[in-house]
């Protein structure tokens, strides 16, 4: 019998959702406490009756929102907001916001109508026949939906980034190739072909005999991949990594800094902070 294994990306999304669900539940509980205590204090200062009423009102609203979180995460899975079709998917999420708000209001009101007579001895009237009440609640629900979608969506992006990093390390270890994302494409470059690299804002310029790649990664991430691939590369400056097999000459420039002249004719700055570490490899 064939065993079906979950897709790694789907598993990554589920891991992200589980982690985020825990933190989000804690946040919602904290918001519930703050809102309920604030409303209760306001009633007591004004001398109103039933100061405990906000506890039921806030509890019903926050519990229903928590119950509807799986609906939002399911929408994110079917219609991602961080993919190529995000514009079309945004329209679908706009309809989802309306559904989310309607369900939230109806369930919240239903719970209040159920428990209000039991706990406080009178019936609850929300005013569902008043369109302004629906609009008032919808504005808050739209913000809640957007916040939840952003939190869980960003958490998934972080988890997917981690998954890509693991795959890149495995590629480096097993096949001695680097995985470089450049211009919306993914390139696989033999580690030994990397002559040198330098940091360029949020990117890294990776120089090879064939071409220079502008990869979206940090110099530290590139260094880890080169180390996993077993290449003879070293950090010679906070902004530079060099293939030590390509170094032709090391020229001191004063105060401990150096210039590394490569076989290609390129000159790369080396700082005294890294000098001892890379010069020991030539001993």
C-alpha atoms as a PDB file:
ATOM      1  CA  UNK A   1       0.000   0.000   0.000  1.00  0.00           C
ATOM      2  CA  UNK A   2       1.341   3.390  -0.984  1.00  0.00           C
ATOM      3  CA  UNK A   3       1.980   5.808   1.873  1.00  0.00           C
ATOM      4  CA  UNK A   4       1.075   9.414   1.112  1.00  0.00           C
ATOM      5  CA  UNK A   5       3.357  11.888   2.814  1.00  0.00           C
ATOM      6  CA  UNK A   6       2.320  15.487   3.469  1.00  0.00           C
ATOM      7  CA  UNK A   7       3.860  18.095   1.216  1.00  0.00           C
ATOM      8  CA  UNK A   8       6.745  19.859   3.012  1.00  0.00           C
ATOM      9  CA  UNK A   9       5.321  23.325   2.290  1.00  0.00           C
ATOM     10  CA  UNK A  10       1.913  22.368   3.672  1.00  0.00           C
ATOM     11  CA  UNK A  11       3.605  20.958   6.755  1.00  0.00           C
ATOM     12  CA  UNK A  12       5.547  24.217   7.129  1.00  0.00           C
ATOM     13  CA  UNK A  13       2.291  26.193   7.018  1.00  0.00           C
ATOM     14  CA  UNK A  14       0.791  23.943   9.674  1.00  0.00           C
ATOM     15  CA  UNK A  15       3.807  24.349  11.929  1.00  0.00           C
ATOM     16  CA  UNK A  16       3.600  28.106  11.540  1.00  0.00           C
ATOM     17  CA  UNK A  17      -0.130  28.085  12.310  1.00  0.00           C
ATOM     18  CA  UNK A  18       0.353  26.020  15.467  1.00  0.00           C
ATOM     19  CA  UNK A  19       3.012  28.380  16.804  1.00  0.00           C
ATOM     20  CA  UNK A  20       1.061  31.491  15.876  1.00  0.00           C
ATOM     21  CA  UNK A  21      -2.186  30.108  17.307  1.00  0.00           C
ATOM     22  CA  UNK A  22      -0.587  29.827  20.743  1.00  0.00           C
ATOM     23  CA  UNK A  23       0.768  33.382  20.738  1.00  0.00           C
ATOM     24  CA  UNK A  24      -2.415  34.776  19.229  1.00  0.00           C
ATOM     25  CA  UNK A  25      -4.567  33.082  21.886  1.00  0.00           C
ATOM     26  CA  UNK A  26      -2.444  34.675  24.599  1.00  0.00           C
ATOM     27  CA  UNK A  27      -2.796  38.060  22.893  1.00  0.00           C
ATOM     28  CA  UNK A  28      -6.596  37.701  22.586  1.00  0.00           C
ATOM     29  CA  UNK A  29      -6.884  36.706  26.237  1.00  0.00           C
ATOM     30  CA  UNK A  30      -4.838  39.742  27.261  1.00  0.00           C
ATOM     31  CA  UNK A  31      -7.023  42.002  25.098  1.00  0.00           C
ATOM     32  CA  UNK A  32     -10.126  40.471  26.670  1.00  0.00           C
ATOM     33  CA  UNK A  33      -8.867  41.215  30.183  1.00  0.00           C
ATOM     34  CA  UNK A  34      -7.890  44.793  29.362  1.00  0.00           C
ATOM     35  CA  UNK A  35     -11.163  45.604  27.585  1.00  0.00           C
ATOM     36  CA  UNK A  36     -13.357  43.972  30.235  1.00  0.00           C
ATOM     37  CA  UNK A  37     -11.555  45.631  33.139  1.00  0.00           C
ATOM     38  CA  UNK A  38     -11.603  49.022  31.415  1.00  0.00           C
ATOM     39  CA  UNK A  39     -15.331  48.810  30.649  1.00  0.00           C
ATOM     40  CA  UNK A  40     -16.126  47.588  34.161  1.00  0.00           C
ATOM     41  CA  UNK A  41     -14.152  50.455  35.680  1.00  0.00           C
ATOM     42  CA  UNK A  42     -16.023  52.947  33.479  1.00  0.00           C
ATOM     43  CA  UNK A  43     -19.417  51.576  34.618  1.00  0.00           C
ATOM     44  CA  UNK A  44     -18.403  51.692  38.272  1.00  0.00           C
ATOM     45  CA  UNK A  45     -17.130  55.286  38.024  1.00  0.00           C
ATOM     46  CA  UNK A  46     -20.399  56.350  36.403  1.00  0.00           C
ATOM     47  CA  UNK A  47     -22.427  54.518  39.061  1.00  0.00           C
ATOM     48  CA  UNK A  48     -24.075  52.218  36.528  1.00  0.00           C
ATOM     49  CA  UNK A  49     -25.647  48.877  37.276  1.00  0.00           C
ATOM     50  CA  UNK A  50     -24.265  45.458  36.396  1.00  0.00           C
ATOM     51  CA  UNK A  51     -20.536  46.310  36.393  1.00  0.00           C
ATOM     52  CA  UNK A  52     -19.770  42.657  35.550  1.00  0.00           C
ATOM     53  CA  UNK A  53     -21.685  42.911  32.259  1.00  0.00           C
ATOM     54  CA  UNK A  54     -18.564  43.738  30.152  1.00  0.00           C
ATOM     55  CA  UNK A  55     -17.042  40.389  31.083  1.00  0.00           C
ATOM     56  CA  UNK A  56     -19.823  38.569  29.237  1.00  0.00           C
ATOM     57  CA  UNK A  57     -19.837  41.029  26.331  1.00  0.00           C
ATOM     58  CA  UNK A  58     -16.069  40.837  25.789  1.00  0.00           C
ATOM     59  CA  UNK A  59     -15.903  37.077  26.350  1.00  0.00           C
ATOM     60  CA  UNK A  60     -18.523  36.312  23.692  1.00  0.00           C
ATOM     61  CA  UNK A  61     -16.837  38.550  21.125  1.00  0.00           C
ATOM     62  CA  UNK A  62     -13.299  37.280  21.715  1.00  0.00           C
ATOM     63  CA  UNK A  63     -14.307  33.604  21.876  1.00  0.00           C
ATOM     64  CA  UNK A  64     -16.136  33.801  18.550  1.00  0.00           C
ATOM     65  CA  UNK A  65     -13.134  35.508  16.939  1.00  0.00           C
ATOM     66  CA  UNK A  66     -10.879  32.699  18.182  1.00  0.00           C
ATOM     67  CA  UNK A  67     -13.334  30.133  16.821  1.00  0.00           C
ATOM     68  CA  UNK A  68     -13.245  31.836  13.396  1.00  0.00           C
ATOM     69  CA  UNK A  69      -9.442  31.890  13.082  1.00  0.00           C
ATOM     70  CA  UNK A  70      -9.394  28.497  11.237  1.00  0.00           C
ATOM     71  CA  UNK A  71     -11.688  30.025   8.609  1.00  0.00           C
ATOM     72  CA  UNK A  72      -9.142  32.793   7.976  1.00  0.00           C
ATOM     73  CA  UNK A  73      -6.185  30.384   7.821  1.00  0.00           C
ATOM     74  CA  UNK A  74      -8.128  28.201   5.385  1.00  0.00           C
ATOM     75  CA  UNK A  75      -8.728  31.247   3.203  1.00  0.00           C
ATOM     76  CA  UNK A  76      -4.998  31.998   3.311  1.00  0.00           C
ATOM     77  CA  UNK A  77      -4.240  28.440   2.190  1.00  0.00           C
ATOM     78  CA  UNK A  78      -6.668  28.529  -0.730  1.00  0.00           C
ATOM     79  CA  UNK A  79      -6.132  32.158  -1.712  1.00  0.00           C
ATOM     80  CA  UNK A  80      -2.648  33.337  -0.628  1.00  0.00           C
ATOM     81  CA  UNK A  81      -2.083  37.055  -0.262  1.00  0.00           C
ATOM     82  CA  UNK A  82       1.681  36.795  -0.737  1.00  0.00           C
ATOM     83  CA  UNK A  83       1.705  35.032  -4.116  1.00  0.00           C
ATOM     84  CA  UNK A  84       1.480  36.083  -7.746  1.00  0.00           C
ATOM     85  CA  UNK A  85      -2.337  36.170  -7.837  1.00  0.00           C
ATOM     86  CA  UNK A  86      -2.702  38.301  -4.738  1.00  0.00           C
ATOM     87  CA  UNK A  87      -4.816  40.942  -6.502  1.00  0.00           C
ATOM     88  CA  UNK A  88      -7.515  38.447  -7.494  1.00  0.00           C
ATOM     89  CA  UNK A  89      -7.262  36.754  -4.117  1.00  0.00           C
ATOM     90  CA  UNK A  90      -7.681  40.095  -2.362  1.00  0.00           C
ATOM     91  CA  UNK A  91     -11.188  40.350  -3.810  1.00  0.00           C
ATOM     92  CA  UNK A  92     -12.017  36.899  -2.452  1.00  0.00           C
ATOM     93  CA  UNK A  93     -10.771  37.931   0.966  1.00  0.00           C
ATOM     94  CA  UNK A  94     -12.973  41.044   0.799  1.00  0.00           C
ATOM     95  CA  UNK A  95     -16.024  38.778   0.497  1.00  0.00           C
ATOM     96  CA  UNK A  96     -14.585  36.611   3.271  1.00  0.00           C
ATOM     97  CA  UNK A  97     -14.442  39.665   5.543  1.00  0.00           C
ATOM     98  CA  UNK A  98     -18.188  40.194   5.045  1.00  0.00           C
ATOM     99  CA  UNK A  99     -18.885  36.532   5.866  1.00  0.00           C
ATOM    100  CA  UNK A 100     -16.557  36.696   8.869  1.00  0.00           C
ATOM    101  CA  UNK A 101     -18.326  39.774  10.217  1.00  0.00           C
ATOM    102  CA  UNK A 102     -21.838  38.370   9.742  1.00  0.00           C
ATOM    103  CA  UNK A 103     -20.960  35.100  11.487  1.00  0.00           C
ATOM    104  CA  UNK A 104     -19.114  36.914  14.275  1.00  0.00           C
ATOM    105  CA  UNK A 105     -22.057  39.222  14.970  1.00  0.00           C
ATOM    106  CA  UNK A 106     -24.730  36.514  14.841  1.00  0.00           C
ATOM    107  CA  UNK A 107     -22.841  34.083  17.072  1.00  0.00           C
ATOM    108  CA  UNK A 108     -21.821  36.822  19.508  1.00  0.00           C
ATOM    109  CA  UNK A 109     -25.395  38.097  19.795  1.00  0.00           C
ATOM    110  CA  UNK A 110     -26.747  34.560  20.090  1.00  0.00           C
ATOM    111  CA  UNK A 111     -24.439  33.775  23.010  1.00  0.00           C
ATOM    112  CA  UNK A 112     -25.345  37.000  24.741  1.00  0.00           C
ATOM    113  CA  UNK A 113     -29.067  36.348  24.314  1.00  0.00           C
ATOM    114  CA  UNK A 114     -28.533  32.886  25.783  1.00  0.00           C
ATOM    115  CA  UNK A 115     -26.484  33.820  28.834  1.00  0.00           C
ATOM    116  CA  UNK A 116     -27.729  37.314  29.653  1.00  0.00           C
ATOM    117  CA  UNK A 117     -31.038  36.175  31.231  1.00  0.00           C
ATOM    118  CA  UNK A 118     -29.256  33.429  33.168  1.00  0.00           C
ATOM    119  CA  UNK A 119     -26.483  35.605  34.572  1.00  0.00           C
ATOM    120  CA  UNK A 120     -28.147  39.024  34.868  1.00  0.00           C
ATOM    121  CA  UNK A 121     -31.889  38.365  34.794  1.00  0.00           C
ATOM    122  CA  UNK A 122     -32.838  40.399  31.715  1.00  0.00           C
ATOM    123  CA  UNK A 123     -33.012  39.911  27.969  1.00  0.00           C
ATOM    124  CA  UNK A 124     -30.334  41.180  25.620  1.00  0.00           C
ATOM    125  CA  UNK A 125     -31.190  43.499  22.731  1.00  0.00           C
ATOM    126  CA  UNK A 126     -28.354  44.162  20.283  1.00  0.00           C
ATOM    127  CA  UNK A 127     -30.314  46.137  17.703  1.00  0.00           C
ATOM    128  CA  UNK A 128     -29.828  43.899  14.671  1.00  0.00           C
ATOM    129  CA  UNK A 129     -32.510  45.792  12.776  1.00  0.00           C
ATOM    130  CA  UNK A 130     -30.365  48.941  12.807  1.00  0.00           C
ATOM    131  CA  UNK A 131     -27.944  49.082   9.797  1.00  0.00           C
ATOM    132  CA  UNK A 132     -25.630  51.467  11.675  1.00  0.00           C
ATOM    133  CA  UNK A 133     -25.012  48.763  14.290  1.00  0.00           C
ATOM    134  CA  UNK A 134     -23.938  46.315  11.583  1.00  0.00           C
ATOM    135  CA  UNK A 135     -21.669  48.942  10.021  1.00  0.00           C
ATOM    136  CA  UNK A 136     -20.113  49.754  13.396  1.00  0.00           C
ATOM    137  CA  UNK A 137     -19.324  46.100  14.038  1.00  0.00           C
ATOM    138  CA  UNK A 138     -18.175  45.505  10.452  1.00  0.00           C
ATOM    139  CA  UNK A 139     -15.471  48.177  10.716  1.00  0.00           C
ATOM    140  CA  UNK A 140     -14.023  46.427  13.758  1.00  0.00           C
ATOM    141  CA  UNK A 141     -14.366  42.990  12.186  1.00  0.00           C
ATOM    142  CA  UNK A 142     -12.593  44.114   9.008  1.00  0.00           C
ATOM    143  CA  UNK A 143      -9.639  45.279  11.100  1.00  0.00           C
ATOM    144  CA  UNK A 144      -9.665  42.017  13.078  1.00  0.00           C
ATOM    145  CA  UNK A 145      -9.700  39.919   9.892  1.00  0.00           C
ATOM    146  CA  UNK A 146      -6.866  41.922   8.326  1.00  0.00           C
ATOM    147  CA  UNK A 147      -4.770  41.703  11.504  1.00  0.00           C
ATOM    148  CA  UNK A 148      -5.252  37.951  11.865  1.00  0.00           C
ATOM    149  CA  UNK A 149      -4.522  37.342   8.164  1.00  0.00           C
ATOM    150  CA  UNK A 150      -1.360  39.450   8.378  1.00  0.00           C
ATOM    151  CA  UNK A 151      -0.094  37.729  11.540  1.00  0.00           C
ATOM    152  CA  UNK A 152      -0.644  34.191  10.269  1.00  0.00           C
ATOM    153  CA  UNK A 153       0.500  35.063   6.736  1.00  0.00           C
ATOM    154  CA  UNK A 154       3.780  36.561   7.917  1.00  0.00           C
ATOM    155  CA  UNK A 155       4.343  33.600  10.241  1.00  0.00           C
ATOM    156  CA  UNK A 156       3.934  31.259   7.284  1.00  0.00           C
ATOM    157  CA  UNK A 157       6.398  33.305   5.236  1.00  0.00           C
ATOM    158  CA  UNK A 158       9.000  32.995   7.992  1.00  0.00           C
ATOM    159  CA  UNK A 159       8.467  29.221   8.181  1.00  0.00           C
ATOM    160  CA  UNK A 160       8.688  28.878   4.390  1.00  0.00           C
ATOM    161  CA  UNK A 161      11.921  30.884   4.449  1.00  0.00           C
ATOM    162  CA  UNK A 162      13.304  28.452   7.014  1.00  0.00           C
ATOM    163  CA  UNK A 163      12.222  25.519   4.823  1.00  0.00           C
ATOM    164  CA  UNK A 164      14.011  27.039   1.826  1.00  0.00           C
ATOM    165  CA  UNK A 165      17.150  27.545   3.918  1.00  0.00           C
ATOM    166  CA  UNK A 166      17.117  23.887   4.978  1.00  0.00           C
ATOM    167  CA  UNK A 167      16.727  22.780   1.356  1.00  0.00           C
ATOM    168  CA  UNK A 168      19.600  25.053   0.311  1.00  0.00           C
ATOM    169  CA  UNK A 169      21.870  23.610   3.036  1.00  0.00           C
ATOM    170  CA  UNK A 170      20.980  20.070   1.949  1.00  0.00           C
ATOM    171  CA  UNK A 171      21.770  20.969  -1.669  1.00  0.00           C
ATOM    172  CA  UNK A 172      25.120  22.419  -0.586  1.00  0.00           C
ATOM    173  CA  UNK A 173      26.067  19.391   1.522  1.00  0.00           C
ATOM    174  CA  UNK A 174      24.893  16.704  -0.900  1.00  0.00           C
ATOM    175  CA  UNK A 175      25.752  18.225  -4.274  1.00  0.00           C
ATOM    176  CA  UNK A 176      28.183  21.027  -3.347  1.00  0.00           C
ATOM    177  CA  UNK A 177      25.969  23.553  -5.093  1.00  0.00           C
ATOM    178  CA  UNK A 178      24.628  26.875  -3.917  1.00  0.00           C
ATOM    179  CA  UNK A 179      20.979  27.822  -4.329  1.00  0.00           C
ATOM    180  CA  UNK A 180      20.799  31.475  -5.356  1.00  0.00           C
ATOM    181  CA  UNK A 181      17.562  33.372  -5.938  1.00  0.00           C
ATOM    182  CA  UNK A 182      18.051  36.235  -8.358  1.00  0.00           C
ATOM    183  CA  UNK A 183      15.543  38.203 -10.420  1.00  0.00           C
ATOM    184  CA  UNK A 184      12.668  35.858  -9.611  1.00  0.00           C
ATOM    185  CA  UNK A 185      14.681  32.815 -10.722  1.00  0.00           C
ATOM    186  CA  UNK A 186      16.584  30.136  -8.832  1.00  0.00           C
ATOM    187  CA  UNK A 187      20.143  29.327  -9.915  1.00  0.00           C
ATOM    188  CA  UNK A 188      22.322  26.419  -8.817  1.00  0.00           C
ATOM    189  CA  UNK A 189      26.005  27.341  -8.765  1.00  0.00           C
ATOM    190  CA  UNK A 190      28.924  25.030  -8.004  1.00  0.00           C
ATOM    191  CA  UNK A 191      30.571  26.248  -4.815  1.00  0.00           C
ATOM    192  CA  UNK A 192      34.061  25.969  -6.312  1.00  0.00           C
ATOM    193  CA  UNK A 193      33.046  28.423  -9.041  1.00  0.00           C
ATOM    194  CA  UNK A 194      32.412  31.223  -6.556  1.00  0.00           C
ATOM    195  CA  UNK A 195      35.428  33.536  -6.833  1.00  0.00           C
ATOM    196  CA  UNK A 196      34.341  36.130  -4.330  1.00  0.00           C
ATOM    197  CA  UNK A 197      31.227  37.840  -3.020  1.00  0.00           C
ATOM    198  CA  UNK A 198      30.317  41.153  -1.468  1.00  0.00           C
ATOM    199  CA  UNK A 199      27.346  42.459   0.481  1.00  0.00           C
ATOM    200  CA  UNK A 200      25.102  44.916  -1.389  1.00  0.00           C
ATOM    201  CA  UNK A 201      22.321  46.240   0.846  1.00  0.00           C
ATOM    202  CA  UNK A 202      19.774  43.395   1.213  1.00  0.00           C
ATOM    203  CA  UNK A 203      21.536  41.391  -1.494  1.00  0.00           C
ATOM    204  CA  UNK A 204      24.863  39.700  -2.125  1.00  0.00           C
ATOM    205  CA  UNK A 205      26.858  39.970  -5.352  1.00  0.00           C
ATOM    206  CA  UNK A 206      28.254  36.508  -6.080  1.00  0.00           C
ATOM    207  CA  UNK A 207      31.040  36.585  -8.669  1.00  0.00           C
ATOM    208  CA  UNK A 208      31.711  33.471 -10.787  1.00  0.00           C
ATOM    209  CA  UNK A 209      33.727  32.990 -14.014  1.00  0.00           C
ATOM    210  CA  UNK A 210      30.527  32.974 -16.067  1.00  0.00           C
ATOM    211  CA  UNK A 211      28.559  35.829 -14.498  1.00  0.00           C
ATOM    212  CA  UNK A 212      27.755  37.811 -11.372  1.00  0.00           C
ATOM    213  CA  UNK A 213      24.575  36.926  -9.481  1.00  0.00           C
ATOM    214  CA  UNK A 214      22.674  39.418  -7.348  1.00  0.00           C
ATOM    215  CA  UNK A 215      21.212  37.027  -4.768  1.00  0.00           C
ATOM    216  CA  UNK A 216      18.647  37.985  -2.146  1.00  0.00           C
ATOM    217  CA  UNK A 217      20.422  36.759   0.980  1.00  0.00           C
ATOM    218  CA  UNK A 218      22.909  37.961   3.578  1.00  0.00           C
ATOM    219  CA  UNK A 219      26.649  37.438   3.409  1.00  0.00           C
ATOM    220  CA  UNK A 220      26.405  35.332   6.560  1.00  0.00           C
ATOM    221  CA  UNK A 221      23.848  33.038   4.896  1.00  0.00           C
ATOM    222  CA  UNK A 222      26.098  32.685   1.867  1.00  0.00           C
ATOM    223  CA  UNK A 223      29.059  31.863   4.114  1.00  0.00           C
ATOM    224  CA  UNK A 224      27.079  29.079   5.785  1.00  0.00           C
ATOM    225  CA  UNK A 225      26.162  27.566   2.423  1.00  0.00           C
ATOM    226  CA  UNK A 226      29.774  27.709   1.233  1.00  0.00           C
ATOM    227  CA  UNK A 227      30.910  26.044   4.444  1.00  0.00           C
ATOM    228  CA  UNK A 228      28.279  23.319   4.048  1.00  0.00           C
ATOM    229  CA  UNK A 229      29.433  22.783   0.455  1.00  0.00           C
ATOM    230  CA  UNK A 230      33.006  22.269   1.644  1.00  0.00           C
ATOM    231  CA  UNK A 231      34.495  25.105  -0.397  1.00  0.00           C
ATOM    232  CA  UNK A 232      37.716  26.935   0.543  1.00  0.00           C
ATOM    233  CA  UNK A 233      36.032  30.268   1.145  1.00  0.00           C
ATOM    234  CA  UNK A 234      36.621  32.669   4.016  1.00  0.00           C
ATOM    235  CA  UNK A 235      35.213  35.908   5.313  1.00  0.00           C
ATOM    236  CA  UNK A 236      37.965  38.483   4.819  1.00  0.00           C
ATOM    237  CA  UNK A 237      35.917  41.587   5.567  1.00  0.00           C
ATOM    238  CA  UNK A 238      32.491  42.309   7.018  1.00  0.00           C
ATOM    239  CA  UNK A 239      31.365  42.861   3.425  1.00  0.00           C
ATOM    240  CA  UNK A 240      33.500  40.330   1.515  1.00  0.00           C
ATOM    241  CA  UNK A 241      33.966  36.565   1.140  1.00  0.00           C
ATOM    242  CA  UNK A 242      36.814  35.213  -1.005  1.00  0.00           C
ATOM    243  CA  UNK A 243      37.700  31.853  -2.522  1.00  0.00           C
ATOM    244  CA  UNK A 244      41.143  31.351  -0.969  1.00  0.00           C
ATOM    245  CA  UNK A 245      42.280  29.183  -3.883  1.00  0.00           C
ATOM    246  CA  UNK A 246      41.938  32.264  -6.108  1.00  0.00           C
ATOM    247  CA  UNK A 247      44.139  34.520  -3.951  1.00  0.00           C
ATOM    248  CA  UNK A 248      47.373  35.424  -5.745  1.00  0.00           C
ATOM    249  CA  UNK A 249      48.802  38.017  -3.355  1.00  0.00           C
ATOM    250  CA  UNK A 250      48.055  39.625   0.007  1.00  0.00           C
ATOM    251  CA  UNK A 251      49.186  43.247   0.211  1.00  0.00           C
ATOM    252  CA  UNK A 252      49.242  45.074   3.577  1.00  0.00           C
ATOM    253  CA  UNK A 253      47.736  48.571   3.460  1.00  0.00           C
ATOM    254  CA  UNK A 254      48.578  49.709   7.003  1.00  0.00           C
ATOM    255  CA  UNK A 255      46.929  49.433  10.424  1.00  0.00           C
ATOM    256  CA  UNK A 256      46.453  45.703   9.901  1.00  0.00           C
ATOM    257  CA  UNK A 257      44.219  45.905   6.825  1.00  0.00           C
ATOM    258  CA  UNK A 258      45.115  44.194   3.538  1.00  0.00           C
ATOM    259  CA  UNK A 259      44.160  43.961  -0.111  1.00  0.00           C
ATOM    260  CA  UNK A 260      43.755  40.501  -1.623  1.00  0.00           C
ATOM    261  CA  UNK A 261      44.685  40.319  -5.296  1.00  0.00           C
ATOM    262  CA  UNK A 262      42.947  37.487  -7.093  1.00  0.00           C
ATOM    263  CA  UNK A 263      43.937  35.495 -10.177  1.00  0.00           C
ATOM    264  CA  UNK A 264      41.122  37.224 -12.045  1.00  0.00           C
ATOM    265  CA  UNK A 265      42.730  40.615 -11.439  1.00  0.00           C
ATOM    266  CA  UNK A 266      40.084  41.654  -8.899  1.00  0.00           C
ATOM    267  CA  UNK A 267      41.223  43.333  -5.684  1.00  0.00           C
ATOM    268  CA  UNK A 268      39.244  42.693  -2.517  1.00  0.00           C
ATOM    269  CA  UNK A 269      39.660  44.542   0.769  1.00  0.00           C
ATOM    270  CA  UNK A 270      40.463  42.505   3.877  1.00  0.00           C
ATOM    271  CA  UNK A 271      40.182  43.873   7.399  1.00  0.00           C
ATOM    272  CA  UNK A 272      42.398  43.139  10.394  1.00  0.00           C
ATOM    273  CA  UNK A 273      39.361  41.751  12.221  1.00  0.00           C
ATOM    274  CA  UNK A 274      39.289  38.742   9.860  1.00  0.00           C
ATOM    275  CA  UNK A 275      42.959  38.677   8.804  1.00  0.00           C
ATOM    276  CA  UNK A 276      44.240  36.155  11.320  1.00  0.00           C
ATOM    277  CA  UNK A 277      41.425  33.719  10.582  1.00  0.00           C
ATOM    278  CA  UNK A 278      41.938  33.564   6.821  1.00  0.00           C
ATOM    279  CA  UNK A 279      45.734  33.844   6.778  1.00  0.00           C
ATOM    280  CA  UNK A 280      46.098  30.695   8.921  1.00  0.00           C
ATOM    281  CA  UNK A 281      44.650  28.682   6.035  1.00  0.00           C
ATOM    282  CA  UNK A 282      47.715  29.560   3.940  1.00  0.00           C
ATOM    283  CA  UNK A 283      50.199  28.345   6.556  1.00  0.00           C
END
